[in-house]
Amino acid sequence: MRALGDTVEPAGDAMSLVLEAVGLTKQYTADGSVLRAVDAVDVQVDAGEFVSVMGPSGCGKSTLLHLLGGLDRADSGSITIAGTPTKGLNEAGWARLRRRHVGFVFQAFHLVEELTAVENAELPALLIGSSRTVARDRALQLLEALGVADRRDHLPHQMSGGQQQRVALARALINDPELVLADEPTGSLDSAATQNLLDLLSSSRVKGQAVVLVTHDPGVATRADRVLSMRDGQIVDETRLASLPTHNGWPGLLGLDG
């Protein structure tokens, strides 16, 4: 693992491919009309790369993210995650793949209301067979690094939106997934909380994690290495940014060993 401050090289051919999607298509039929929400989209993301996806509302960016993570099924095309082809996977197979290799961060948090912050954070580790002691220690480390350890015993409704989002990020990172998928994770956060969350997502790249983040906010999108622009279900432009995202602290997260 590289330490904070070490150089992170941009993704390239020499780096391992974490995500590869080819020809993804998803269409819906309504009132006799066919809408192609995702239209023959190709996406490749390398280890340690931060990619943002932008576009107007209804352009298909959230649908694309859900297809990439197996929360929805493409009508055609292929997806390979961490070297594992997903063709033919049933719901149980997708669930196992997500638990091991994919972390999700949603705008709506999707925390379990009956579980405390630490219980929400440790849940994915328990689902892959970690002992309760190991899962709890890891969850507490993450909550401490994210600045919400004092909320460990709070239920979701007892926390602010920003605190819930940090707990959701801890949950997404607890199994050290190769791929983090984030769907408008800053939509309900203030500017300070937004910057903190982006710092954390950016810093996860130091451990080789790839990040794909959907956003409508140009300021958020430009924290990535690469920006994909979507319109009418297609990727119509790709911009590789000249500089990598900056890290404003949060060394504790990077010092966590799985």
C-alpha atoms as a PDB file:
ATOM      1  CA  MET A   1       0.000   0.000   0.000  1.00  0.00           C
ATOM      2  CA  ARG A   2       1.311   3.487  -0.851  1.00  0.00           C
ATOM      3  CA  ALA A   3       1.391   6.102   1.853  1.00  0.00           C
ATOM      4  CA  LEU A   4      -0.379   9.437   1.662  1.00  0.00           C
ATOM      5  CA  GLY A   5       1.703  11.808  -0.421  1.00  0.00           C
ATOM      6  CA  ASP A   6       3.137   9.106  -2.697  1.00  0.00           C
ATOM      7  CA  THR A   7       2.629   9.768  -6.369  1.00  0.00           C
ATOM      8  CA  VAL A   8      -0.387   8.104  -7.941  1.00  0.00           C
ATOM      9  CA  GLU A   9       0.152   7.593 -11.631  1.00  0.00           C
ATOM     10  CA  PRO A  10      -2.802   8.066 -13.965  1.00  0.00           C
ATOM     11  CA  ALA A  11      -4.491   4.904 -15.131  1.00  0.00           C
ATOM     12  CA  GLY A  12      -3.100   3.378 -18.262  1.00  0.00           C
ATOM     13  CA  ASP A  13      -2.374   0.171 -20.119  1.00  0.00           C
ATOM     14  CA  ALA A  14       0.127  -0.962 -17.483  1.00  0.00           C
ATOM     15  CA  MET A  15      -2.508  -0.906 -14.770  1.00  0.00           C
ATOM     16  CA  SER A  16      -5.005  -3.692 -14.208  1.00  0.00           C
ATOM     17  CA  LEU A  17      -8.500  -3.258 -15.559  1.00  0.00           C
ATOM     18  CA  VAL A  18     -11.098  -3.298 -12.768  1.00  0.00           C
ATOM     19  CA  LEU A  19     -14.198  -2.661 -14.874  1.00  0.00           C
ATOM     20  CA  GLU A  20     -14.922  -3.343 -18.520  1.00  0.00           C
ATOM     21  CA  ALA A  21     -18.352  -2.898 -20.064  1.00  0.00           C
ATOM     22  CA  VAL A  22     -18.926  -3.434 -23.777  1.00  0.00           C
ATOM     23  CA  GLY A  23     -22.038  -2.538 -25.750  1.00  0.00           C
ATOM     24  CA  LEU A  24     -24.350  -2.064 -22.765  1.00  0.00           C
ATOM     25  CA  THR A  25     -27.931  -1.393 -23.823  1.00  0.00           C
ATOM     26  CA  LYS A  26     -31.023  -0.977 -21.660  1.00  0.00           C
ATOM     27  CA  GLN A  27     -34.397  -0.017 -23.086  1.00  0.00           C
ATOM     28  CA  TYR A  28     -37.871   0.508 -21.704  1.00  0.00           C
ATOM     29  CA  THR A  29     -41.236   0.471 -23.444  1.00  0.00           C
ATOM     30  CA  ALA A  30     -43.922   2.944 -22.418  1.00  0.00           C
ATOM     31  CA  ASP A  31     -47.113   3.857 -24.272  1.00  0.00           C
ATOM     32  CA  GLY A  32     -45.909   1.965 -27.310  1.00  0.00           C
ATOM     33  CA  SER A  33     -42.656   3.913 -27.514  1.00  0.00           C
ATOM     34  CA  VAL A  34     -39.194   2.461 -26.919  1.00  0.00           C
ATOM     35  CA  LEU A  35     -36.761   4.491 -24.819  1.00  0.00           C
ATOM     36  CA  ARG A  36     -33.103   3.509 -24.866  1.00  0.00           C
ATOM     37  CA  ALA A  37     -31.942   4.609 -21.421  1.00  0.00           C
ATOM     38  CA  VAL A  38     -28.466   3.222 -22.144  1.00  0.00           C
ATOM     39  CA  ASP A  39     -27.502   2.847 -25.779  1.00  0.00           C
ATOM     40  CA  ALA A  40     -24.487   0.676 -26.723  1.00  0.00           C
ATOM     41  CA  VAL A  41     -22.176   2.126 -24.064  1.00  0.00           C
ATOM     42  CA  ASP A  42     -18.553   1.023 -23.581  1.00  0.00           C
ATOM     43  CA  VAL A  43     -16.723   1.794 -20.311  1.00  0.00           C
ATOM     44  CA  GLN A  44     -13.273   0.819 -19.083  1.00  0.00           C
ATOM     45  CA  VAL A  45     -11.885   1.787 -15.678  1.00  0.00           C
ATOM     46  CA  ASP A  46      -8.415   0.925 -14.404  1.00  0.00           C
ATOM     47  CA  ALA A  47      -7.294   0.253 -10.857  1.00  0.00           C
ATOM     48  CA  GLY A  48      -6.736   3.515  -9.013  1.00  0.00           C
ATOM     49  CA  GLU A  49      -8.720   5.564 -11.538  1.00  0.00           C
ATOM     50  CA  PHE A  50     -11.470   8.039 -10.581  1.00  0.00           C
ATOM     51  CA  VAL A  51     -14.062   8.479 -13.348  1.00  0.00           C
ATOM     52  CA  SER A  52     -17.028  10.818 -13.156  1.00  0.00           C
ATOM     53  CA  VAL A  53     -20.150  10.576 -15.330  1.00  0.00           C
ATOM     54  CA  MET A  54     -22.069  13.754 -16.124  1.00  0.00           C
ATOM     55  CA  GLY A  55     -25.165  14.624 -18.065  1.00  0.00           C
ATOM     56  CA  PRO A  56     -28.632  16.186 -17.815  1.00  0.00           C
ATOM     57  CA  SER A  57     -31.402  14.534 -15.831  1.00  0.00           C
ATOM     58  CA  GLY A  58     -32.795  11.533 -17.672  1.00  0.00           C
ATOM     59  CA  CYS A  59     -29.712  10.988 -19.831  1.00  0.00           C
ATOM     60  CA  GLY A  60     -29.148   7.487 -18.458  1.00  0.00           C
ATOM     61  CA  LYS A  61     -26.199   8.009 -16.105  1.00  0.00           C
ATOM     62  CA  SER A  62     -27.817   6.472 -13.015  1.00  0.00           C
ATOM     63  CA  THR A  63     -29.210   3.607 -15.102  1.00  0.00           C
ATOM     64  CA  LEU A  64     -25.689   2.981 -16.395  1.00  0.00           C
ATOM     65  CA  LEU A  65     -24.308   2.867 -12.853  1.00  0.00           C
ATOM     66  CA  HIS A  66     -27.001   0.404 -11.788  1.00  0.00           C
ATOM     67  CA  LEU A  67     -26.178  -1.812 -14.769  1.00  0.00           C
ATOM     68  CA  LEU A  68     -22.471  -1.733 -13.924  1.00  0.00           C
ATOM     69  CA  GLY A  69     -23.184  -2.894 -10.389  1.00  0.00           C
ATOM     70  CA  GLY A  70     -25.777  -5.516 -11.289  1.00  0.00           C
ATOM     71  CA  LEU A  71     -28.656  -3.699  -9.604  1.00  0.00           C
ATOM     72  CA  ASP A  72     -30.378  -3.767 -12.984  1.00  0.00           C
ATOM     73  CA  ARG A  73     -29.829  -6.024 -15.993  1.00  0.00           C
ATOM     74  CA  ALA A  74     -28.735  -4.896 -19.434  1.00  0.00           C
ATOM     75  CA  ASP A  75     -30.693  -6.064 -22.452  1.00  0.00           C
ATOM     76  CA  SER A  76     -27.409  -6.628 -24.271  1.00  0.00           C
ATOM     77  CA  GLY A  77     -23.695  -6.171 -23.759  1.00  0.00           C
ATOM     78  CA  SER A  78     -21.142  -7.575 -21.329  1.00  0.00           C
ATOM     79  CA  ILE A  79     -19.631  -6.548 -17.998  1.00  0.00           C
ATOM     80  CA  THR A  80     -16.426  -7.803 -16.390  1.00  0.00           C
ATOM     81  CA  ILE A  81     -15.579  -6.764 -12.820  1.00  0.00           C
ATOM     82  CA  ALA A  82     -12.219  -7.507 -11.205  1.00  0.00           C
ATOM     83  CA  GLY A  83     -11.532 -10.096 -13.888  1.00  0.00           C
ATOM     84  CA  THR A  84     -14.868 -11.870 -13.408  1.00  0.00           C
ATOM     85  CA  PRO A  85     -17.268 -11.992 -16.388  1.00  0.00           C
ATOM     86  CA  THR A  86     -20.824 -11.428 -15.189  1.00  0.00           C
ATOM     87  CA  LYS A  87     -22.626 -13.085 -18.089  1.00  0.00           C
ATOM     88  CA  GLY A  88     -24.994 -15.725 -16.762  1.00  0.00           C
ATOM     89  CA  LEU A  89     -24.811 -14.635 -13.139  1.00  0.00           C
ATOM     90  CA  ASN A  90     -28.089 -14.985 -11.274  1.00  0.00           C
ATOM     91  CA  GLU A  91     -29.137 -12.725  -8.400  1.00  0.00           C
ATOM     92  CA  ALA A  92     -27.184 -14.765  -5.862  1.00  0.00           C
ATOM     93  CA  GLY A  93     -24.083 -14.680  -8.055  1.00  0.00           C
ATOM     94  CA  TRP A  94     -24.303 -10.930  -8.470  1.00  0.00           C
ATOM     95  CA  ALA A  95     -24.791 -10.527  -4.722  1.00  0.00           C
ATOM     96  CA  ARG A  96     -21.625 -12.521  -4.010  1.00  0.00           C
ATOM     97  CA  LEU A  97     -19.675 -10.497  -6.575  1.00  0.00           C
ATOM     98  CA  ARG A  98     -20.850  -7.195  -5.112  1.00  0.00           C
ATOM     99  CA  ARG A  99     -20.009  -8.226  -1.554  1.00  0.00           C
ATOM    100  CA  ARG A 100     -16.429  -9.042  -2.503  1.00  0.00           C
ATOM    101  CA  HIS A 101     -15.598  -6.523  -5.201  1.00  0.00           C
ATOM    102  CA  VAL A 102     -18.059  -3.604  -5.343  1.00  0.00           C
ATOM    103  CA  GLY A 103     -18.930  -0.853  -2.870  1.00  0.00           C
ATOM    104  CA  PHE A 104     -22.008   1.340  -3.426  1.00  0.00           C
ATOM    105  CA  VAL A 105     -22.615   4.890  -2.191  1.00  0.00           C
ATOM    106  CA  PHE A 106     -26.098   6.261  -2.854  1.00  0.00           C
ATOM    107  CA  GLN A 107     -27.553   9.752  -2.577  1.00  0.00           C
ATOM    108  CA  ALA A 108     -30.344   8.349  -0.406  1.00  0.00           C
ATOM    109  CA  PHE A 109     -27.847   6.519   1.891  1.00  0.00           C
ATOM    110  CA  HIS A 110     -29.947   3.309   2.110  1.00  0.00           C
ATOM    111  CA  LEU A 111     -28.841   2.611   5.670  1.00  0.00           C
ATOM    112  CA  VAL A 112     -30.782  -0.038   7.598  1.00  0.00           C
ATOM    113  CA  GLU A 113     -32.984   1.989   9.925  1.00  0.00           C
ATOM    114  CA  GLU A 114     -32.979  -0.611  12.699  1.00  0.00           C
ATOM    115  CA  LEU A 115     -29.160  -0.785  12.853  1.00  0.00           C
ATOM    116  CA  THR A 116     -26.748   1.642  14.493  1.00  0.00           C
ATOM    117  CA  ALA A 117     -23.985   3.393  12.583  1.00  0.00           C
ATOM    118  CA  VAL A 118     -21.382   0.773  13.467  1.00  0.00           C
ATOM    119  CA  GLU A 119     -23.786  -2.076  12.711  1.00  0.00           C
ATOM    120  CA  ASN A 120     -24.558  -0.600   9.292  1.00  0.00           C
ATOM    121  CA  ALA A 121     -20.859  -0.154   8.555  1.00  0.00           C
ATOM    122  CA  GLU A 122     -19.871  -3.690   9.572  1.00  0.00           C
ATOM    123  CA  LEU A 123     -22.736  -5.472   7.805  1.00  0.00           C
ATOM    124  CA  PRO A 124     -20.971  -6.173   4.455  1.00  0.00           C
ATOM    125  CA  ALA A 125     -17.986  -7.664   6.286  1.00  0.00           C
ATOM    126  CA  LEU A 126     -20.249 -10.008   8.221  1.00  0.00           C
ATOM    127  CA  LEU A 127     -21.963 -11.049   4.992  1.00  0.00           C
ATOM    128  CA  ILE A 128     -18.666 -12.299   3.510  1.00  0.00           C
ATOM    129  CA  GLY A 129     -17.853 -14.307   6.623  1.00  0.00           C
ATOM    130  CA  SER A 130     -15.660 -12.003   8.703  1.00  0.00           C
ATOM    131  CA  SER A 131     -15.858 -12.609  12.420  1.00  0.00           C
ATOM    132  CA  ARG A 132     -17.882 -10.126  14.407  1.00  0.00           C
ATOM    133  CA  THR A 133     -14.723  -8.972  16.182  1.00  0.00           C
ATOM    134  CA  VAL A 134     -12.830  -8.320  12.955  1.00  0.00           C
ATOM    135  CA  ALA A 135     -15.849  -6.661  11.308  1.00  0.00           C
ATOM    136  CA  ARG A 136     -16.498  -4.446  14.340  1.00  0.00           C
ATOM    137  CA  ASP A 137     -12.852  -3.375  14.633  1.00  0.00           C
ATOM    138  CA  ARG A 138     -12.702  -2.514  10.940  1.00  0.00           C
ATOM    139  CA  ALA A 139     -15.989  -0.605  11.094  1.00  0.00           C
ATOM    140  CA  LEU A 140     -14.833   1.414  14.090  1.00  0.00           C
ATOM    141  CA  GLN A 141     -11.550   2.250  12.358  1.00  0.00           C
ATOM    142  CA  LEU A 142     -13.439   3.554   9.342  1.00  0.00           C
ATOM    143  CA  LEU A 143     -15.927   5.556  11.398  1.00  0.00           C
ATOM    144  CA  GLU A 144     -13.020   7.098  13.297  1.00  0.00           C
ATOM    145  CA  ALA A 145     -11.233   7.982  10.068  1.00  0.00           C
ATOM    146  CA  LEU A 146     -14.451   9.498   8.717  1.00  0.00           C
ATOM    147  CA  GLY A 147     -15.055  11.589  11.821  1.00  0.00           C
ATOM    148  CA  VAL A 148     -18.272   9.901  12.942  1.00  0.00           C
ATOM    149  CA  ALA A 149     -17.012   7.504  15.614  1.00  0.00           C
ATOM    150  CA  ASP A 150     -18.993   9.486  18.185  1.00  0.00           C
ATOM    151  CA  ARG A 151     -22.146   8.423  16.322  1.00  0.00           C
ATOM    152  CA  ARG A 152     -21.336   4.709  16.440  1.00  0.00           C
ATOM    153  CA  ASP A 153     -24.391   3.817  18.531  1.00  0.00           C
ATOM    154  CA  HIS A 154     -26.796   6.195  16.798  1.00  0.00           C
ATOM    155  CA  LEU A 155     -29.580   5.009  14.519  1.00  0.00           C
ATOM    156  CA  PRO A 156     -29.827   6.636  11.068  1.00  0.00           C
ATOM    157  CA  HIS A 157     -32.694   8.953  12.079  1.00  0.00           C
ATOM    158  CA  GLN A 158     -30.515  10.269  14.907  1.00  0.00           C
ATOM    159  CA  MET A 159     -27.804  11.449  12.494  1.00  0.00           C
ATOM    160  CA  SER A 160     -27.560  14.332  10.034  1.00  0.00           C
ATOM    161  CA  GLY A 161     -27.486  13.708   6.298  1.00  0.00           C
ATOM    162  CA  GLY A 162     -23.748  14.267   6.174  1.00  0.00           C
ATOM    163  CA  GLN A 163     -23.164  11.840   9.026  1.00  0.00           C
ATOM    164  CA  GLN A 164     -25.337   9.208   7.371  1.00  0.00           C
ATOM    165  CA  GLN A 165     -23.430   9.622   4.123  1.00  0.00           C
ATOM    166  CA  ARG A 166     -20.132   9.044   5.929  1.00  0.00           C
ATOM    167  CA  VAL A 167     -21.518   5.900   7.521  1.00  0.00           C
ATOM    168  CA  ALA A 168     -22.655   4.777   4.063  1.00  0.00           C
ATOM    169  CA  LEU A 169     -19.140   5.392   2.749  1.00  0.00           C
ATOM    170  CA  ALA A 170     -17.664   3.333   5.604  1.00  0.00           C
ATOM    171  CA  ARG A 171     -20.062   0.538   4.653  1.00  0.00           C
ATOM    172  CA  ALA A 172     -18.970   0.784   1.013  1.00  0.00           C
ATOM    173  CA  LEU A 173     -15.262   0.636   1.855  1.00  0.00           C
ATOM    174  CA  ILE A 174     -15.216  -1.947   4.638  1.00  0.00           C
ATOM    175  CA  ASN A 175     -14.409  -4.912   2.379  1.00  0.00           C
ATOM    176  CA  ASP A 176     -11.771  -2.970   0.406  1.00  0.00           C
ATOM    177  CA  PRO A 177     -13.664  -3.396  -2.876  1.00  0.00           C
ATOM    178  CA  GLU A 178     -11.772  -2.992  -6.131  1.00  0.00           C
ATOM    179  CA  LEU A 179     -14.634  -0.850  -7.471  1.00  0.00           C
ATOM    180  CA  VAL A 180     -16.632   1.904  -5.760  1.00  0.00           C
ATOM    181  CA  LEU A 181     -19.813   3.084  -7.510  1.00  0.00           C
ATOM    182  CA  ALA A 182     -21.287   6.355  -6.258  1.00  0.00           C
ATOM    183  CA  ASP A 183     -24.632   7.683  -7.484  1.00  0.00           C
ATOM    184  CA  GLU A 184     -24.996  11.434  -6.767  1.00  0.00           C
ATOM    185  CA  PRO A 185     -23.482  10.946  -3.289  1.00  0.00           C
ATOM    186  CA  THR A 186     -23.098  14.690  -2.677  1.00  0.00           C
ATOM    187  CA  GLY A 187     -26.591  15.747  -3.714  1.00  0.00           C
ATOM    188  CA  SER A 188     -27.831  16.419  -0.180  1.00  0.00           C
ATOM    189  CA  LEU A 189     -24.539  17.559   1.376  1.00  0.00           C
ATOM    190  CA  ASP A 190     -23.303  21.057   2.103  1.00  0.00           C
ATOM    191  CA  SER A 191     -20.087  22.282   0.480  1.00  0.00           C
ATOM    192  CA  ALA A 192     -17.809  21.284   3.358  1.00  0.00           C
ATOM    193  CA  ALA A 193     -19.258  17.787   3.614  1.00  0.00           C
ATOM    194  CA  THR A 194     -19.068  17.451  -0.174  1.00  0.00           C
ATOM    195  CA  GLN A 195     -15.369  18.250  -0.192  1.00  0.00           C
ATOM    196  CA  ASN A 196     -14.710  15.821   2.652  1.00  0.00           C
ATOM    197  CA  LEU A 197     -16.517  12.997   0.874  1.00  0.00           C
ATOM    198  CA  LEU A 198     -14.677  13.705  -2.391  1.00  0.00           C
ATOM    199  CA  ASP A 199     -11.357  13.720  -0.553  1.00  0.00           C
ATOM    200  CA  LEU A 200     -12.182  10.303   0.829  1.00  0.00           C
ATOM    201  CA  LEU A 201     -13.255   8.869  -2.507  1.00  0.00           C
ATOM    202  CA  SER A 202     -10.142  10.311  -4.128  1.00  0.00           C
ATOM    203  CA  SER A 203      -7.878   8.950  -1.416  1.00  0.00           C
ATOM    204  CA  SER A 204      -9.267   5.424  -1.805  1.00  0.00           C
ATOM    205  CA  ARG A 205      -7.507   5.375  -5.183  1.00  0.00           C
ATOM    206  CA  VAL A 206      -4.164   5.245  -3.393  1.00  0.00           C
ATOM    207  CA  LYS A 207      -5.023   1.678  -2.412  1.00  0.00           C
ATOM    208  CA  GLY A 208      -5.801   0.856  -6.045  1.00  0.00           C
ATOM    209  CA  GLN A 209      -9.566   1.186  -5.756  1.00  0.00           C
ATOM    210  CA  ALA A 210     -11.373   2.421  -8.839  1.00  0.00           C
ATOM    211  CA  VAL A 211     -14.184   4.950  -8.431  1.00  0.00           C
ATOM    212  CA  VAL A 212     -17.058   5.684 -10.812  1.00  0.00           C
ATOM    213  CA  LEU A 213     -19.153   8.640  -9.644  1.00  0.00           C
ATOM    214  CA  VAL A 214     -22.359   9.923 -11.235  1.00  0.00           C
ATOM    215  CA  THR A 215     -23.007  13.629 -10.744  1.00  0.00           C
ATOM    216  CA  HIS A 216     -24.692  16.661 -12.265  1.00  0.00           C
ATOM    217  CA  ASP A 217     -22.265  19.045 -10.527  1.00  0.00           C
ATOM    218  CA  PRO A 218     -19.253  20.178 -12.638  1.00  0.00           C
ATOM    219  CA  GLY A 219     -17.294  21.018  -9.489  1.00  0.00           C
ATOM    220  CA  VAL A 220     -17.688  17.441  -8.285  1.00  0.00           C
ATOM    221  CA  ALA A 221     -16.966  15.941 -11.714  1.00  0.00           C
ATOM    222  CA  THR A 222     -13.660  17.756 -12.072  1.00  0.00           C
ATOM    223  CA  ARG A 223     -12.232  16.008  -9.017  1.00  0.00           C
ATOM    224  CA  ALA A 224     -11.940  12.904 -11.201  1.00  0.00           C
ATOM    225  CA  ASP A 225      -9.143  11.807 -13.546  1.00  0.00           C
ATOM    226  CA  ARG A 226     -11.597  11.435 -16.394  1.00  0.00           C
ATOM    227  CA  VAL A 227     -15.057  12.837 -17.134  1.00  0.00           C
ATOM    228  CA  LEU A 228     -17.572  10.964 -19.304  1.00  0.00           C
ATOM    229  CA  SER A 229     -20.443  13.064 -20.663  1.00  0.00           C
ATOM    230  CA  MET A 230     -23.744  11.315 -21.378  1.00  0.00           C
ATOM    231  CA  ARG A 231     -26.698  12.393 -23.457  1.00  0.00           C
ATOM    232  CA  ASP A 232     -29.676  10.358 -24.646  1.00  0.00           C
ATOM    233  CA  GLY A 233     -28.227   7.152 -23.254  1.00  0.00           C
ATOM    234  CA  GLN A 234     -24.844   7.469 -24.957  1.00  0.00           C
ATOM    235  CA  ILE A 235     -21.391   8.648 -23.940  1.00  0.00           C
ATOM    236  CA  VAL A 236     -20.880  11.599 -26.252  1.00  0.00           C
ATOM    237  CA  ASP A 237     -17.623  12.983 -24.911  1.00  0.00           C
ATOM    238  CA  GLU A 238     -14.661  11.986 -22.756  1.00  0.00           C
ATOM    239  CA  THR A 239     -12.269  14.420 -21.095  1.00  0.00           C
ATOM    240  CA  ARG A 240      -9.075  13.398 -19.334  1.00  0.00           C
ATOM    241  CA  LEU A 241      -8.216  16.056 -16.781  1.00  0.00           C
ATOM    242  CA  ALA A 242      -4.687  17.408 -16.606  1.00  0.00           C
ATOM    243  CA  SER A 243      -4.234  17.060 -12.867  1.00  0.00           C
ATOM    244  CA  LEU A 244      -5.165  14.439 -10.314  1.00  0.00           C
ATOM    245  CA  PRO A 245      -7.478  15.213  -7.409  1.00  0.00           C
ATOM    246  CA  THR A 246      -5.872  16.709  -4.350  1.00  0.00           C
ATOM    247  CA  HIS A 247      -6.058  15.126  -0.922  1.00  0.00           C
ATOM    248  CA  ASN A 248      -6.770  17.392   2.013  1.00  0.00           C
ATOM    249  CA  GLY A 249      -5.852  15.169   4.902  1.00  0.00           C
ATOM    250  CA  TRP A 250      -7.706  12.013   5.968  1.00  0.00           C
ATOM    251  CA  PRO A 251      -4.500   9.973   6.446  1.00  0.00           C
ATOM    252  CA  GLY A 252      -6.253   7.633   8.834  1.00  0.00           C
ATOM    253  CA  LEU A 253      -8.323   6.069   6.073  1.00  0.00           C
ATOM    254  CA  LEU A 254      -5.240   5.257   4.045  1.00  0.00           C
ATOM    255  CA  GLY A 255      -3.541   3.613   6.993  1.00  0.00           C
ATOM    256  CA  LEU A 256      -6.268   1.024   7.446  1.00  0.00           C
ATOM    257  CA  ASP A 257      -5.224  -2.501   6.605  1.00  0.00           C
ATOM    258  CA  GLY A 258      -7.873  -4.997   5.602  1.00  0.00           C
END
